[in-house]
Amino acid sequence: MLDEFGVRGAIPASRLGPSMPRERIVGNATTVRNVDQSRSAFAAVSDKDWRMAEILALRTASPGDVLVIEGLAEVSNMGGLMASVAKRQGLAGAIVDGGVRDLGRSRSLHFPVWSRDHTPITGKWRSVTTEVNGTVRLCGVQVAAGDLIIADETGICCIPRDLIDSVLERAEQIASSEIGFDALLKADEPVDGLIDYLYGKTD
């Protein structure tokens, strides 16, 4: 459907997979961007040089928001402690283009997370948070703070905030059309009739 608006906003679950496949979340994006720490992990931990600050986003997030992190692969951009804070603040879940850890804890909190990697390697000494509530990218899809995020077991849709009303209106039209299609299916409408209903007559 986003194709009708000229928007690339869908990400398959094969790229960012859900920790709790039966869960579905809808909420506005609170965004974080992490980049590589320039120092070695050993040097950073020796100096207690901690620059990953996703908790700053949780300080300003509203209940129902979705934490969206453009992060690093193979290291954790979010763990169980941040899931605990996010859950307490009322966030719906998190989307992380990168690694996460402590999935057992986030599941026990009933806090769903979609991510690229599962890893025990901390990002605390390996990454730097450079921006909160700016524009980030998830698998090449641009997401700005306030955009609408919808995620389930099949994937993630990112809807620009200035298109939310138009997209929701179109989604309602499609849902109504599918109800009509189901009625024809139950009435044993021939396949040609189903094709005509879906695509219009092709005489």
C-alpha atoms as a PDB file:
ATOM      1  CA  MET A   1       0.000   0.000   0.000  1.00  0.00           C
ATOM      2  CA  LEU A   2       2.843   2.432   0.730  1.00  0.00           C
ATOM      3  CA  ASP A   3       3.787   2.084  -2.947  1.00  0.00           C
ATOM      4  CA  GLU A   4       0.682   4.149  -3.746  1.00  0.00           C
ATOM      5  CA  PHE A   5       2.237   7.049  -1.834  1.00  0.00           C
ATOM      6  CA  GLY A   6       5.701   6.666  -3.333  1.00  0.00           C
ATOM      7  CA  VAL A   7       7.124   5.641   0.043  1.00  0.00           C
ATOM      8  CA  ARG A   8       9.634   2.899   0.777  1.00  0.00           C
ATOM      9  CA  GLY A   9       8.704   2.007   4.312  1.00  0.00           C
ATOM     10  CA  ALA A  10       8.446  -1.765   4.670  1.00  0.00           C
ATOM     11  CA  ILE A  11      11.117  -3.987   6.237  1.00  0.00           C
ATOM     12  CA  PRO A  12      10.714  -7.793   6.205  1.00  0.00           C
ATOM     13  CA  ALA A  13      11.023  -9.762   9.425  1.00  0.00           C
ATOM     14  CA  SER A  14      13.802 -11.746   7.750  1.00  0.00           C
ATOM     15  CA  ARG A  15      15.932  -8.586   8.106  1.00  0.00           C
ATOM     16  CA  LEU A  16      14.783  -7.416  11.551  1.00  0.00           C
ATOM     17  CA  GLY A  17      13.236 -10.341  13.386  1.00  0.00           C
ATOM     18  CA  PRO A  18      10.812 -10.235  16.336  1.00  0.00           C
ATOM     19  CA  SER A  19      11.706 -11.578  19.766  1.00  0.00           C
ATOM     20  CA  MET A  20       8.013 -12.348  20.354  1.00  0.00           C
ATOM     21  CA  PRO A  21       6.475 -13.336  16.989  1.00  0.00           C
ATOM     22  CA  ARG A  22       2.873 -13.298  18.223  1.00  0.00           C
ATOM     23  CA  GLU A  23       3.095  -9.658  19.307  1.00  0.00           C
ATOM     24  CA  ARG A  24       2.008  -6.651  17.255  1.00  0.00           C
ATOM     25  CA  ILE A  25       2.872  -3.053  18.096  1.00  0.00           C
ATOM     26  CA  VAL A  26       1.774   0.356  16.816  1.00  0.00           C
ATOM     27  CA  GLY A  27       3.253   3.634  18.005  1.00  0.00           C
ATOM     28  CA  ASN A  28       5.181   6.767  17.160  1.00  0.00           C
ATOM     29  CA  ALA A  29       8.949   6.559  16.772  1.00  0.00           C
ATOM     30  CA  THR A  30      11.393   7.797  19.392  1.00  0.00           C
ATOM     31  CA  THR A  31      14.746   7.547  17.610  1.00  0.00           C
ATOM     32  CA  VAL A  32      18.391   6.937  18.520  1.00  0.00           C
ATOM     33  CA  ARG A  33      21.504   6.756  16.341  1.00  0.00           C
ATOM     34  CA  ASN A  34      24.595   4.849  17.495  1.00  0.00           C
ATOM     35  CA  VAL A  35      27.961   4.796  15.713  1.00  0.00           C
ATOM     36  CA  ASP A  36      31.295   3.090  16.335  1.00  0.00           C
ATOM     37  CA  GLN A  37      33.343   4.163  19.342  1.00  0.00           C
ATOM     38  CA  SER A  38      36.743   5.339  18.057  1.00  0.00           C
ATOM     39  CA  ARG A  39      38.638   3.804  20.997  1.00  0.00           C
ATOM     40  CA  SER A  40      39.133   0.140  21.769  1.00  0.00           C
ATOM     41  CA  ALA A  41      36.690  -1.477  24.164  1.00  0.00           C
ATOM     42  CA  PHE A  42      39.556  -2.102  26.595  1.00  0.00           C
ATOM     43  CA  ALA A  43      40.616   1.560  26.576  1.00  0.00           C
ATOM     44  CA  ALA A  44      37.022   2.739  26.990  1.00  0.00           C
ATOM     45  CA  VAL A  45      36.229   0.395  29.868  1.00  0.00           C
ATOM     46  CA  SER A  46      39.543   1.218  31.568  1.00  0.00           C
ATOM     47  CA  ASP A  47      38.614   4.924  31.558  1.00  0.00           C
ATOM     48  CA  LYS A  48      34.898   4.250  32.175  1.00  0.00           C
ATOM     49  CA  ASP A  49      34.316   6.153  28.913  1.00  0.00           C
ATOM     50  CA  TRP A  50      30.658   5.275  28.344  1.00  0.00           C
ATOM     51  CA  ARG A  51      29.047   7.157  25.472  1.00  0.00           C
ATOM     52  CA  MET A  52      26.085   4.968  24.537  1.00  0.00           C
ATOM     53  CA  ALA A  53      23.040   6.876  25.777  1.00  0.00           C
ATOM     54  CA  GLU A  54      19.826   5.334  24.496  1.00  0.00           C
ATOM     55  CA  ILE A  55      18.384   6.016  27.956  1.00  0.00           C
ATOM     56  CA  LEU A  56      18.202   9.712  27.003  1.00  0.00           C
ATOM     57  CA  ALA A  57      15.512   8.835  24.473  1.00  0.00           C
ATOM     58  CA  LEU A  58      13.532   7.022  27.148  1.00  0.00           C
ATOM     59  CA  ARG A  59      13.608  10.153  29.301  1.00  0.00           C
ATOM     60  CA  THR A  60      11.535  12.070  26.744  1.00  0.00           C
ATOM     61  CA  ALA A  61       9.475   9.250  25.193  1.00  0.00           C
ATOM     62  CA  SER A  62       5.706   9.159  25.605  1.00  0.00           C
ATOM     63  CA  PRO A  63       3.688   6.088  26.613  1.00  0.00           C
ATOM     64  CA  GLY A  64       2.909   4.028  23.521  1.00  0.00           C
ATOM     65  CA  ASP A  65       5.989   5.165  21.609  1.00  0.00           C
ATOM     66  CA  VAL A  66       8.305   2.711  19.853  1.00  0.00           C
ATOM     67  CA  LEU A  67      12.045   2.982  20.492  1.00  0.00           C
ATOM     68  CA  VAL A  68      13.810   2.935  17.102  1.00  0.00           C
ATOM     69  CA  ILE A  69      17.600   2.495  17.093  1.00  0.00           C
ATOM     70  CA  GLU A  70      19.978   2.752  14.154  1.00  0.00           C
ATOM     71  CA  GLY A  71      22.784   0.809  15.716  1.00  0.00           C
ATOM     72  CA  LEU A  72      25.788  -1.431  15.272  1.00  0.00           C
ATOM     73  CA  ALA A  73      25.773  -5.018  14.081  1.00  0.00           C
ATOM     74  CA  GLU A  74      26.960  -7.849  16.334  1.00  0.00           C
ATOM     75  CA  VAL A  75      27.131  -5.747  19.512  1.00  0.00           C
ATOM     76  CA  SER A  76      24.288  -4.846  21.838  1.00  0.00           C
ATOM     77  CA  ASN A  77      22.525  -1.543  21.269  1.00  0.00           C
ATOM     78  CA  MET A  78      19.926  -2.375  23.902  1.00  0.00           C
ATOM     79  CA  GLY A  79      19.751  -4.870  26.746  1.00  0.00           C
ATOM     80  CA  GLY A  80      17.531  -5.961  29.570  1.00  0.00           C
ATOM     81  CA  LEU A  81      18.056  -2.875  31.731  1.00  0.00           C
ATOM     82  CA  MET A  82      16.920  -0.552  28.944  1.00  0.00           C
ATOM     83  CA  ALA A  83      13.989  -2.862  28.204  1.00  0.00           C
ATOM     84  CA  SER A  84      13.027  -2.543  31.874  1.00  0.00           C
ATOM     85  CA  VAL A  85      13.143   1.253  31.734  1.00  0.00           C
ATOM     86  CA  ALA A  86      11.279   1.332  28.422  1.00  0.00           C
ATOM     87  CA  LYS A  87       8.575  -0.941  29.801  1.00  0.00           C
ATOM     88  CA  ARG A  88       8.237   1.218  32.925  1.00  0.00           C
ATOM     89  CA  GLN A  89       7.895   4.325  30.732  1.00  0.00           C
ATOM     90  CA  GLY A  90       5.078   2.659  28.829  1.00  0.00           C
ATOM     91  CA  LEU A  91       6.784   2.142  25.462  1.00  0.00           C
ATOM     92  CA  ALA A  92       5.181  -0.400  23.151  1.00  0.00           C
ATOM     93  CA  GLY A  93       8.423  -2.074  22.024  1.00  0.00           C
ATOM     94  CA  ALA A  94      11.706  -1.487  20.218  1.00  0.00           C
ATOM     95  CA  ILE A  95      13.083  -1.787  16.682  1.00  0.00           C
ATOM     96  CA  VAL A  96      16.867  -2.118  16.455  1.00  0.00           C
ATOM     97  CA  ASP A  97      18.888  -2.207  13.253  1.00  0.00           C
ATOM     98  CA  GLY A  98      21.787  -3.886  15.026  1.00  0.00           C
ATOM     99  CA  GLY A  99      22.359  -6.238  17.925  1.00  0.00           C
ATOM    100  CA  VAL A 100      20.451  -6.662  21.196  1.00  0.00           C
ATOM    101  CA  ARG A 101      21.007  -8.832  24.250  1.00  0.00           C
ATOM    102  CA  ASP A 102      19.091 -10.101  27.312  1.00  0.00           C
ATOM    103  CA  LEU A 103      16.132 -11.279  25.264  1.00  0.00           C
ATOM    104  CA  GLY A 104      15.001 -13.478  28.135  1.00  0.00           C
ATOM    105  CA  ARG A 105      14.527 -10.402  30.285  1.00  0.00           C
ATOM    106  CA  SER A 106      12.684  -8.406  27.620  1.00  0.00           C
ATOM    107  CA  ARG A 107      10.388 -11.382  26.987  1.00  0.00           C
ATOM    108  CA  SER A 108       9.712 -11.777  30.711  1.00  0.00           C
ATOM    109  CA  LEU A 109       8.697  -8.103  30.739  1.00  0.00           C
ATOM    110  CA  HIS A 110       6.417  -8.704  27.751  1.00  0.00           C
ATOM    111  CA  PHE A 111       8.434  -6.080  25.858  1.00  0.00           C
ATOM    112  CA  PRO A 112       8.814  -7.087  22.185  1.00  0.00           C
ATOM    113  CA  VAL A 113      11.987  -6.245  20.290  1.00  0.00           C
ATOM    114  CA  TRP A 114      12.715  -6.500  16.551  1.00  0.00           C
ATOM    115  CA  SER A 115      16.441  -6.690  15.766  1.00  0.00           C
ATOM    116  CA  ARG A 116      19.116  -7.713  13.277  1.00  0.00           C
ATOM    117  CA  ASP A 117      21.364  -9.647  15.696  1.00  0.00           C
ATOM    118  CA  HIS A 118      21.221 -11.365  19.085  1.00  0.00           C
ATOM    119  CA  THR A 119      24.523 -11.034  20.907  1.00  0.00           C
ATOM    120  CA  PRO A 120      26.123 -11.183  24.367  1.00  0.00           C
ATOM    121  CA  ILE A 121      28.677  -8.490  23.409  1.00  0.00           C
ATOM    122  CA  THR A 122      28.005  -5.180  25.138  1.00  0.00           C
ATOM    123  CA  GLY A 123      27.869  -2.022  23.075  1.00  0.00           C
ATOM    124  CA  LYS A 124      28.518   0.101  26.166  1.00  0.00           C
ATOM    125  CA  TRP A 125      32.227   0.459  25.362  1.00  0.00           C
ATOM    126  CA  ARG A 126      31.937   0.022  21.588  1.00  0.00           C
ATOM    127  CA  SER A 127      29.379   2.570  20.430  1.00  0.00           C
ATOM    128  CA  VAL A 128      28.523   6.243  20.780  1.00  0.00           C
ATOM    129  CA  THR A 129      25.048   7.755  20.702  1.00  0.00           C
ATOM    130  CA  THR A 130      25.286  10.714  18.331  1.00  0.00           C
ATOM    131  CA  GLU A 131      21.641  11.759  18.049  1.00  0.00           C
ATOM    132  CA  VAL A 132      18.313  11.348  19.831  1.00  0.00           C
ATOM    133  CA  ASN A 133      14.999  12.077  18.099  1.00  0.00           C
ATOM    134  CA  GLY A 134      16.524  12.895  14.756  1.00  0.00           C
ATOM    135  CA  THR A 135      16.233  10.951  11.508  1.00  0.00           C
ATOM    136  CA  VAL A 136      17.657   7.422  11.413  1.00  0.00           C
ATOM    137  CA  ARG A 137      17.734   4.534   8.946  1.00  0.00           C
ATOM    138  CA  LEU A 138      16.477   0.978   9.415  1.00  0.00           C
ATOM    139  CA  CYS A 139      17.774  -1.319   6.679  1.00  0.00           C
ATOM    140  CA  GLY A 140      17.969   1.712   4.406  1.00  0.00           C
ATOM    141  CA  VAL A 141      14.460   2.944   5.286  1.00  0.00           C
ATOM    142  CA  GLN A 142      14.403   6.493   6.653  1.00  0.00           C
ATOM    143  CA  VAL A 143      12.565   7.012   9.949  1.00  0.00           C
ATOM    144  CA  ALA A 144      12.060  10.361  11.680  1.00  0.00           C
ATOM    145  CA  ALA A 145      10.963  10.934  15.247  1.00  0.00           C
ATOM    146  CA  GLY A 146       7.155  10.938  15.325  1.00  0.00           C
ATOM    147  CA  ASP A 147       6.710   8.643  12.326  1.00  0.00           C
ATOM    148  CA  LEU A 148       4.206   5.824  12.830  1.00  0.00           C
ATOM    149  CA  ILE A 149       5.704   2.364  13.359  1.00  0.00           C
ATOM    150  CA  ILE A 150       3.698  -0.833  12.876  1.00  0.00           C
ATOM    151  CA  ALA A 151       5.398  -4.192  13.481  1.00  0.00           C
ATOM    152  CA  ASP A 152       4.339  -7.827  13.641  1.00  0.00           C
ATOM    153  CA  GLU A 153       5.663 -11.280  12.775  1.00  0.00           C
ATOM    154  CA  THR A 154       5.893 -10.468   9.052  1.00  0.00           C
ATOM    155  CA  GLY A 155       7.842  -7.234   9.356  1.00  0.00           C
ATOM    156  CA  ILE A 156       7.801  -3.517  10.036  1.00  0.00           C
ATOM    157  CA  CYS A 157       6.093  -0.583   8.322  1.00  0.00           C
ATOM    158  CA  CYS A 158       7.367   2.955   8.827  1.00  0.00           C
ATOM    159  CA  ILE A 159       4.840   5.649   7.861  1.00  0.00           C
ATOM    160  CA  PRO A 160       5.996   9.285   7.618  1.00  0.00           C
ATOM    161  CA  ARG A 161       4.023  11.410  10.073  1.00  0.00           C
ATOM    162  CA  ASP A 162       2.659  13.746   7.371  1.00  0.00           C
ATOM    163  CA  LEU A 163       1.105  10.733   5.613  1.00  0.00           C
ATOM    164  CA  ILE A 164      -0.355   8.963   8.652  1.00  0.00           C
ATOM    165  CA  ASP A 165      -3.961  10.122   8.127  1.00  0.00           C
ATOM    166  CA  SER A 166      -3.912   9.373   4.388  1.00  0.00           C
ATOM    167  CA  VAL A 167      -2.362   5.935   4.881  1.00  0.00           C
ATOM    168  CA  LEU A 168      -4.837   5.004   7.625  1.00  0.00           C
ATOM    169  CA  GLU A 169      -7.748   6.094   5.426  1.00  0.00           C
ATOM    170  CA  ARG A 170      -6.432   3.958   2.570  1.00  0.00           C
ATOM    171  CA  ALA A 171      -5.904   0.999   4.928  1.00  0.00           C
ATOM    172  CA  GLU A 172      -9.534   1.222   6.023  1.00  0.00           C
ATOM    173  CA  GLN A 173     -10.620   1.182   2.370  1.00  0.00           C
ATOM    174  CA  ILE A 174      -8.523  -1.926   1.721  1.00  0.00           C
ATOM    175  CA  ALA A 175      -9.878  -3.647   4.832  1.00  0.00           C
ATOM    176  CA  SER A 176     -13.450  -2.944   3.693  1.00  0.00           C
ATOM    177  CA  SER A 177     -12.656  -4.300   0.230  1.00  0.00           C
ATOM    178  CA  GLU A 178     -11.222  -7.484   1.731  1.00  0.00           C
ATOM    179  CA  ILE A 179     -14.438  -8.020   3.696  1.00  0.00           C
ATOM    180  CA  GLY A 180     -16.302  -7.914   0.396  1.00  0.00           C
ATOM    181  CA  PHE A 181     -13.826 -10.355  -1.136  1.00  0.00           C
ATOM    182  CA  ASP A 182     -14.261 -12.790   1.768  1.00  0.00           C
ATOM    183  CA  ALA A 183     -18.039 -12.623   1.294  1.00  0.00           C
ATOM    184  CA  LEU A 184     -17.683 -13.544  -2.386  1.00  0.00           C
ATOM    185  CA  LEU A 185     -15.300 -16.365  -1.467  1.00  0.00           C
ATOM    186  CA  LYS A 186     -17.784 -17.815   1.014  1.00  0.00           C
ATOM    187  CA  ALA A 187     -20.537 -17.514  -1.611  1.00  0.00           C
ATOM    188  CA  ASP A 188     -18.474 -19.701  -3.990  1.00  0.00           C
ATOM    189  CA  GLU A 189     -17.954 -16.913  -6.514  1.00  0.00           C
ATOM    190  CA  PRO A 190     -16.089 -18.317  -9.553  1.00  0.00           C
ATOM    191  CA  VAL A 191     -12.408 -17.385  -9.848  1.00  0.00           C
ATOM    192  CA  ASP A 192     -13.112 -15.075 -12.809  1.00  0.00           C
ATOM    193  CA  GLY A 193     -15.525 -13.130 -10.609  1.00  0.00           C
ATOM    194  CA  LEU A 194     -12.925 -12.897  -7.858  1.00  0.00           C
ATOM    195  CA  ILE A 195     -10.389 -11.595 -10.359  1.00  0.00           C
ATOM    196  CA  ASP A 196     -12.879  -8.988 -11.580  1.00  0.00           C
ATOM    197  CA  TYR A 197     -13.526  -7.897  -7.994  1.00  0.00           C
ATOM    198  CA  LEU A 198      -9.839  -7.529  -7.239  1.00  0.00           C
ATOM    199  CA  TYR A 199      -8.601  -5.990 -10.489  1.00  0.00           C
ATOM    200  CA  GLY A 200     -11.669  -4.836 -12.392  1.00  0.00           C
ATOM    201  CA  LYS A 201     -13.127  -6.368 -15.523  1.00  0.00           C
ATOM    202  CA  THR A 202     -10.556  -7.089 -18.220  1.00  0.00           C
ATOM    203  CA  ASP A 203     -12.889  -7.612 -21.198  1.00  0.00           C
END
